[in-house]
Structures are given as structure tokens and as C-alpha cells.
């Protein structure tokens, strides 16, 4: 089977594409990459994506689209493609920040237009359920684990003490109140760090605002003791996957994605509680996740193997469909 990973966001999804390529490793599958480089602004990027669909590059290939450039209209844009079949990964069926071609008007048009040959992939059952509610009846939506790269060694760091890290782009669902409350009860020996694009100043936290290149992101993870995922609402967390790959403990609200990644008994999962108790609960989870008994390496290895097997089963089924 000839499979092409179509990546509309070559910078943001470079690591995701690498992990997926690794998880699909199979002599019977030839995996190619087709990045969509940004044209002149948003219009140029959309034009480049449209040209790929109409061109010869994907003729006879099975395309896996790593991000829906056209939002709800993604299936409509593949109608005239020469690709043999198309799978679209939908990370956020209900966007947590503004995205093109999303919302009730576009979803209504998508339902009237149908999905054609397009299959959809999500990384949780909750996301799959939400997506099915936006699509015509009978649309094919499969939940499959987020791809995970094999174990990555953490670089030695000169940082002393313990560091609690929040990493990645700021979005409206980040819990700034929680971060402020954690700063107010910070235990001795811990420093608090935020790194990523769009973050405001947060009292008690060292905030490094700006885009992080791959090497910078890895350096932030390697200097941390625990990664904090302070999201009120989310569908998945690629940053949590990056941390797990490097055997960095993760703390976040109990959620289908983190339970699938870390196990339902992981000590860094925080149950919802009253506002008066929340910060103390999060603080306790950070301490438990950082303890040596947490055995993060075993958790990482189990998650990595689970993801690899799931993607190879998926590829095997798609290969059978291609031959039928």
C-alpha cells in the first residue's frame, strides 16, 4: 500500500508526522510525506492545499491528512482528487480556538454535501462522538490512539531544584486562575515555568512567551520535573505525549485522553473538586507524579506499544480495503 501523509502544518505537526511514520513502520507499507508549505498568508496556504487535491502527486495513493485545512468542508474538497482514498485526522471536532470553515453554517453545508470517500480519525471516543454529530449519518469515524514515538532520552540539564512546566500555545481554555492559585501555595524548592506562544504574564510564574522550535521545546521538557496540563476543556494534548516520550511525569484533569495515555490509576490525574480545594489537589498530584514510585518509564513503554499496534492494525485494515 502506498500511503502519503499530507501535512498542512509542517512546523506545528512535524513531530506528530514523525511519530505516525514510526508507528506505521511495516515493510508492506510505503509511507511518503507531502507537506503543504505556507503560501502568501492564509489565502496562499488554502490555494496550495487546493492545488494538491487536484494535482497528480496523490494519484493512486491513500492519503492521511494530518489537519483539516478546510474544516467542515474538508470532505467536499477531496471530491475531485485522484487519491485512492482519504483519511482525515480531526484533532478538535469542536475547536477550542477559532478555525476556518467551522461552526453551524459550515457544518450544515457539510451534512448536505456528504463525505464521499473520506474516512475520519480522532484520538478519543469523545471526539469521535462529537464529530459524528456534525456529519451525515453513516460517516466513517474511528478513534485511534495518538501516535507516540519510541523512548527519547532526556538530555542532562544544569537546572537545580524542581520545575513545574506548562508548555505550548496559550488558548482560552487554559486555567489561569489555577496557575495563580498554585503559585500562591508553591512548596519550597519548586520553580514555576510557562513556555509557549501567546501567554500573558502570570503572577509567580516565569513566562517565556513565543514560538518554540523543536530543539527549544525538547530543552524545556528536559529541564522540567513535571509537566502540568492546566486545561479546563480539551480533546487531546500533544504536549503530554511529548512529555511521556521523554519519561517526564504529567499532571492534568482526569480525562479520556490522559487515562488512555497514562492509565486510569496514574497518580497525576486530578478529579474535579470544589474551587476551594482545587489548588491543593493539583499540588498533591504534582508531588505524587514526581515521586520515584510513579514508574513513568513503564507507563511510557506500554503507551508506545499500544499506539504502535493500533496504527498497524489500522494500516492492515486499510490495505485489505484497498485490495478488495
Protein backbone atom coordinates (compact mmCIF):
# COMPACT_ATOMS: atom_id res chain seq x y z
CA UNK A 1 0.00 0.00 0.00
CA UNK A 2 1.27 3.45 -0.93
CA UNK A 3 0.36 5.86 1.85
CA UNK A 4 1.08 9.61 1.84
CA UNK A 5 0.98 11.80 4.94
CA UNK A 6 -0.41 15.18 3.90
CA UNK A 7 0.78 17.78 6.41
CA UNK A 8 -0.76 21.26 6.08
CA UNK A 9 1.17 22.47 9.16
CA UNK A 10 4.77 21.35 8.58
CA UNK A 11 6.17 23.21 11.59
CA UNK A 12 3.47 22.55 14.16
CA UNK A 13 2.89 18.91 13.19
CA UNK A 14 6.44 17.83 12.32
CA UNK A 15 6.79 15.71 15.45
CA UNK A 16 3.31 14.27 15.04
CA UNK A 17 4.15 13.23 11.47
CA UNK A 18 7.42 11.63 12.62
CA UNK A 19 5.62 9.67 15.33
CA UNK A 20 2.92 8.48 12.91
CA UNK A 21 5.52 7.43 10.35
CA UNK A 22 7.28 5.40 13.04
CA UNK A 23 4.05 3.78 14.26
CA UNK A 24 3.18 2.78 10.68
CA UNK A 25 6.53 1.05 10.20
CA UNK A 26 5.78 -2.04 8.10
CA UNK A 27 7.62 -3.41 5.04
CA UNK A 28 4.28 -3.75 3.23
CA UNK A 29 3.52 -0.03 3.58
CA UNK A 30 5.41 2.63 1.69
CA UNK A 31 4.97 5.91 3.57
CA UNK A 32 5.67 9.22 1.85
CA UNK A 33 5.40 12.80 3.05
CA UNK A 34 3.65 15.66 1.28
CA UNK A 35 4.00 18.92 3.20
CA UNK A 36 1.87 21.87 2.19
CA UNK A 37 4.16 24.84 2.51
CA UNK A 38 2.59 28.12 3.50
CA UNK A 39 1.90 30.36 0.56
CA UNK A 40 1.36 34.08 0.83
CA UNK A 41 -0.73 34.28 4.00
CA UNK A 42 -3.85 32.26 4.65
CA UNK A 43 -5.15 32.59 1.11
CA UNK A 44 -1.89 31.22 -0.27
CA UNK A 45 -1.99 28.24 2.08
CA UNK A 46 -5.56 27.41 1.09
CA UNK A 47 -4.64 27.72 -2.59
CA UNK A 48 -1.67 25.36 -2.14
CA UNK A 49 -3.90 22.83 -0.39
CA UNK A 50 -6.45 23.03 -3.20
CA UNK A 51 -3.77 22.51 -5.88
CA UNK A 52 -2.56 19.35 -4.12
CA UNK A 53 -6.05 17.87 -4.23
CA UNK A 54 -6.36 18.48 -7.97
CA UNK A 55 -2.79 17.54 -8.91
CA UNK A 56 -1.12 14.27 -9.81
CA UNK A 57 1.05 13.88 -6.67
CA UNK A 58 -1.53 11.73 -4.87
CA UNK A 59 -2.81 9.69 -7.83
CA UNK A 60 -3.43 6.14 -6.59
CA UNK A 61 -2.22 6.89 -3.05
CA UNK A 62 -4.06 6.52 0.23
CA UNK A 63 -3.78 9.99 1.77
CA UNK A 64 -3.74 10.61 5.52
CA UNK A 65 -4.44 14.30 6.09
CA UNK A 66 -2.93 15.40 9.42
CA UNK A 67 -5.10 18.53 9.83
CA UNK A 68 -8.34 19.59 8.10
CA UNK A 69 -7.32 22.77 6.28
CA UNK A 70 -10.90 23.36 5.15
CA UNK A 71 -12.59 22.48 8.44
CA UNK A 72 -16.08 21.08 7.96
CA UNK A 73 -15.67 21.33 4.18
CA UNK A 74 -12.65 19.01 4.07
CA UNK A 75 -14.57 16.07 2.51
CA UNK A 76 -16.02 18.32 -0.21
CA UNK A 77 -12.51 19.46 -1.22
CA UNK A 78 -11.40 15.86 -1.87
CA UNK A 79 -14.22 15.05 -4.31
CA UNK A 80 -12.09 15.62 -7.42
CA UNK A 81 -8.84 14.25 -6.01
CA UNK A 82 -7.02 11.41 -7.76
CA UNK A 83 -6.15 9.84 -4.40
CA UNK A 84 -7.39 6.29 -3.99
CA UNK A 85 -8.87 7.07 -0.57
CA UNK A 86 -8.53 9.73 2.12
CA UNK A 87 -8.37 9.63 5.93
CA UNK A 88 -8.59 12.99 7.73
CA UNK A 89 -7.32 13.35 11.31
CA UNK A 90 -9.64 15.69 13.25
CA UNK A 91 -7.89 16.86 16.42
CA UNK A 92 -10.57 19.27 17.68
CA UNK A 93 -14.10 18.44 16.43
CA UNK A 94 -15.33 21.46 18.39
CA UNK A 95 -12.42 23.94 18.06
CA UNK A 96 -11.05 25.40 21.29
CA UNK A 97 -9.91 28.43 19.32
CA UNK A 98 -11.09 29.95 16.04
CA UNK A 99 -10.55 27.84 12.92
CA UNK A 100 -11.51 28.43 9.30
CA UNK A 101 -14.68 26.83 7.93
CA UNK A 102 -16.02 25.69 11.32
CA UNK A 103 -19.31 26.41 13.03
CA UNK A 104 -23.02 25.63 12.42
CA UNK A 105 -23.21 27.25 8.96
CA UNK A 106 -20.31 25.20 7.57
CA UNK A 107 -21.40 22.02 9.35
CA UNK A 108 -24.86 22.36 7.80
CA UNK A 109 -23.33 22.66 4.34
CA UNK A 110 -21.08 19.67 5.05
CA UNK A 111 -24.04 17.50 6.05
CA UNK A 112 -25.84 18.38 2.82
CA UNK A 113 -22.72 17.67 0.75
CA UNK A 114 -21.93 14.24 2.21
CA UNK A 115 -18.49 12.79 2.96
CA UNK A 116 -17.73 10.84 -0.21
CA UNK A 117 -14.65 8.62 0.11
CA UNK A 118 -13.32 10.35 3.22
CA UNK A 119 -12.80 8.48 6.49
CA UNK A 120 -12.19 10.39 9.72
CA UNK A 121 -9.83 9.67 12.60
CA UNK A 122 -9.87 11.10 16.12
CA UNK A 123 -7.79 10.36 19.21
CA UNK A 124 -10.62 9.82 21.72
CA UNK A 125 -14.08 8.29 21.64
CA UNK A 126 -15.47 11.58 22.95
CA UNK A 127 -14.04 13.39 19.93
CA UNK A 128 -15.40 10.69 17.60
CA UNK A 129 -18.88 11.07 19.10
CA UNK A 130 -18.79 14.85 18.75
CA UNK A 131 -17.62 14.58 15.13
CA UNK A 132 -20.33 12.08 14.20
CA UNK A 133 -22.88 14.61 15.42
CA UNK A 134 -21.61 17.09 12.81
CA UNK A 135 -21.50 14.69 9.85
CA UNK A 136 -24.15 12.98 7.72
CA UNK A 137 -25.47 9.65 9.00
CA UNK A 138 -23.20 6.74 8.15
CA UNK A 139 -19.99 8.80 8.12
CA UNK A 140 -16.99 6.65 9.00
CA UNK A 141 -15.23 7.89 12.14
CA UNK A 142 -12.65 5.79 14.02
CA UNK A 143 -10.97 6.61 17.34
CA UNK A 144 -7.31 5.58 17.41
CA UNK A 145 -4.54 6.43 19.91
CA UNK A 146 -2.39 9.49 19.37
CA UNK A 147 0.86 8.30 17.71
CA UNK A 148 3.81 8.04 20.10
CA UNK A 149 7.48 7.90 19.19
CA UNK A 150 9.73 5.32 20.85
CA UNK A 151 11.56 6.29 24.01
CA UNK A 152 13.59 9.50 23.70
CA UNK A 153 16.49 10.11 26.07
CA UNK A 154 16.28 13.25 28.16
CA UNK A 155 19.33 15.48 27.96
CA UNK A 156 21.20 16.32 31.15
CA UNK A 157 20.38 19.78 32.45
CA UNK A 158 22.15 22.16 34.77
CA UNK A 159 18.82 23.24 36.29
CA UNK A 160 18.78 22.78 40.06
CA UNK A 161 15.71 22.06 42.15
CA UNK A 162 12.30 21.01 40.89
CA UNK A 163 10.50 22.68 38.00
CA UNK A 164 6.79 22.56 37.19
CA UNK A 165 6.34 23.27 33.47
CA UNK A 166 3.37 24.43 31.40
CA UNK A 167 4.25 24.12 27.72
CA UNK A 168 2.60 25.01 24.43
CA UNK A 169 0.42 27.67 22.90
CA UNK A 170 -1.97 29.61 25.12
CA UNK A 171 -5.65 29.08 24.32
CA UNK A 172 -8.82 30.37 26.01
CA UNK A 173 -9.38 27.07 27.85
CA UNK A 174 -6.09 27.32 29.82
CA UNK A 175 -6.87 27.70 33.52
CA UNK A 176 -5.04 30.88 34.51
CA UNK A 177 -6.84 31.03 37.86
CA UNK A 178 -5.47 27.62 38.78
CA UNK A 179 -1.94 28.69 37.85
CA UNK A 180 -2.21 31.78 40.04
CA UNK A 181 -3.51 29.69 42.96
CA UNK A 182 -0.69 27.16 42.58
CA UNK A 183 1.82 29.99 42.66
CA UNK A 184 0.32 31.22 45.93
CA UNK A 185 0.88 27.83 47.65
CA UNK A 186 4.10 26.85 45.89
CA UNK A 187 6.13 24.44 48.03
CA UNK A 188 9.77 25.19 48.77
CA UNK A 189 12.26 24.04 46.17
CA UNK A 190 9.94 24.30 43.14
CA UNK A 191 10.09 26.91 40.42
CA UNK A 192 7.19 27.53 38.04
CA UNK A 193 7.72 27.91 34.31
CA UNK A 194 5.43 28.62 31.33
CA UNK A 195 6.79 28.47 27.78
CA UNK A 196 4.84 28.95 24.57
CA UNK A 197 3.21 31.40 22.22
CA UNK A 198 0.54 33.86 23.36
CA UNK A 199 0.81 33.52 27.14
CA UNK A 200 0.15 36.57 29.33
CA UNK A 201 2.13 37.38 32.47
CA UNK A 202 1.05 35.17 35.40
CA UNK A 203 1.97 36.17 38.98
CA UNK A 204 4.52 33.77 40.45
CA UNK A 205 5.38 32.10 37.11
CA UNK A 206 8.40 32.63 34.87
CA UNK A 207 6.72 33.09 31.48
CA UNK A 208 8.69 32.64 28.26
CA UNK A 209 6.34 33.89 25.55
CA UNK A 210 6.99 32.98 21.92
CA UNK A 211 7.08 30.14 19.39
CA UNK A 212 9.34 27.25 20.39
CA UNK A 213 11.35 25.40 17.76
CA UNK A 214 11.66 21.63 18.17
CA UNK A 215 15.02 21.79 19.94
CA UNK A 216 13.76 24.52 22.29
CA UNK A 217 10.65 22.51 23.15
CA UNK A 218 12.75 19.44 23.96
CA UNK A 219 15.10 21.55 26.10
CA UNK A 220 12.15 22.87 28.12
CA UNK A 221 10.90 19.32 28.71
CA UNK A 222 14.35 18.09 29.69
CA UNK A 223 14.75 20.85 32.30
CA UNK A 224 11.38 20.05 33.93
CA UNK A 225 10.43 17.73 36.78
CA UNK A 226 6.70 17.55 35.98
CA UNK A 227 4.59 18.74 33.03
CA UNK A 228 1.33 20.41 34.04
CA UNK A 229 -1.66 20.31 31.65
CA UNK A 230 -3.89 23.05 33.13
CA UNK A 231 -6.77 22.82 30.65
CA UNK A 232 -10.42 23.39 31.52
CA UNK A 233 -11.50 21.77 28.25
CA UNK A 234 -9.57 19.88 25.61
CA UNK A 235 -9.77 16.89 23.29
CA UNK A 236 -6.14 15.76 23.45
CA UNK A 237 -2.71 17.03 24.42
CA UNK A 238 0.20 16.60 22.04
CA UNK A 239 2.43 18.21 24.66
CA UNK A 240 1.52 15.47 27.16
CA UNK A 241 2.57 12.91 24.54
CA UNK A 242 5.88 14.72 24.02
CA UNK A 243 6.49 14.67 27.78
CA UNK A 244 5.67 10.96 28.06
CA UNK A 245 8.05 10.12 25.21
CA UNK A 246 10.83 11.65 27.32
CA UNK A 247 9.65 9.93 30.54
CA UNK A 248 8.55 13.23 32.08
CA UNK A 249 5.62 12.80 34.50
CA UNK A 250 2.37 14.52 33.52
CA UNK A 251 -0.34 16.06 35.73
CA UNK A 252 -3.75 17.07 34.39
CA UNK A 253 -7.51 16.81 34.90
CA UNK A 254 -8.88 13.28 34.66
CA UNK A 255 -9.86 12.94 31.01
CA UNK A 256 -10.33 10.14 28.50
CA UNK A 257 -7.19 11.16 26.62
CA UNK A 258 -4.89 11.18 29.67
CA UNK A 259 -6.44 7.99 31.04
CA UNK A 260 -5.74 6.26 27.73
CA UNK A 261 -2.21 7.60 27.66
CA UNK A 262 -1.20 7.15 31.32
CA UNK A 263 -3.68 4.62 32.71
CA UNK A 264 -6.68 5.24 34.94
CA UNK A 265 -4.58 4.77 38.09
CA UNK A 266 -1.88 7.31 37.21
CA UNK A 267 -1.31 9.49 40.33
CA UNK A 268 -1.10 12.69 38.30
CA UNK A 269 -4.78 12.61 37.28
CA UNK A 270 -6.81 15.22 39.17
CA UNK A 271 -10.54 14.75 39.75
CA UNK A 272 -12.81 17.78 39.65
CA UNK A 273 -13.43 19.25 43.07
CA UNK A 274 -14.58 22.49 44.68
CA UNK A 275 -12.66 25.66 43.85
CA UNK A 276 -11.52 25.94 47.47
CA UNK A 277 -9.76 22.56 47.28
CA UNK A 278 -8.60 22.57 43.65
CA UNK A 279 -5.12 24.04 44.05
CA UNK A 280 -4.28 21.69 46.94
CA UNK A 281 -5.46 18.69 44.91
CA UNK A 282 -3.28 19.72 41.99
CA UNK A 283 -0.32 20.34 44.28
CA UNK A 284 -0.71 16.84 45.78
CA UNK A 285 -0.93 15.28 42.29
CA UNK A 286 2.29 17.03 41.26
CA UNK A 287 4.09 15.60 44.31
CA UNK A 288 2.77 12.08 43.65
CA UNK A 289 3.61 12.15 39.93
CA UNK A 290 7.16 13.33 40.68
CA UNK A 291 7.81 10.52 43.17
CA UNK A 292 10.17 7.73 42.02
CA UNK A 293 7.43 5.13 42.57
CA UNK A 294 5.42 6.63 39.71
CA UNK A 295 7.35 4.38 37.25
CA UNK A 296 6.87 6.68 34.30
CA UNK A 297 9.15 4.60 32.06
CA UNK A 298 6.84 1.58 32.29
CA UNK A 299 3.83 3.80 31.57
CA UNK A 300 5.60 5.28 28.55
CA UNK A 301 6.61 1.91 27.12
CA UNK A 302 3.09 0.50 27.47
CA UNK A 303 1.51 3.55 25.81
CA UNK A 304 4.02 3.50 22.96
CA UNK A 305 3.42 -0.19 22.25
CA UNK A 306 -0.35 0.26 22.40
CA UNK A 307 -0.24 3.12 19.88
CA UNK A 308 2.08 1.25 17.52
CA UNK A 309 -0.13 -1.85 17.48
CA UNK A 310 -3.29 0.22 16.96
CA UNK A 311 -1.86 2.07 13.97
CA UNK A 312 -0.53 -1.11 12.41
CA UNK A 313 -3.95 -2.77 12.79
CA UNK A 314 -5.47 0.31 11.15
CA UNK A 315 -2.98 0.11 8.28
CA UNK A 316 -3.68 -3.59 7.82
CA UNK A 317 -7.42 -2.96 7.54
CA UNK A 318 -6.89 -0.13 5.06
CA UNK A 319 -4.62 -2.37 2.96
CA UNK A 320 -7.34 -5.05 2.83
CA UNK A 321 -9.87 -2.41 1.76
CA UNK A 322 -7.51 -1.25 -0.99
CA UNK A 323 -7.26 -4.79 -2.38
CA UNK A 324 -10.99 -5.50 -2.23
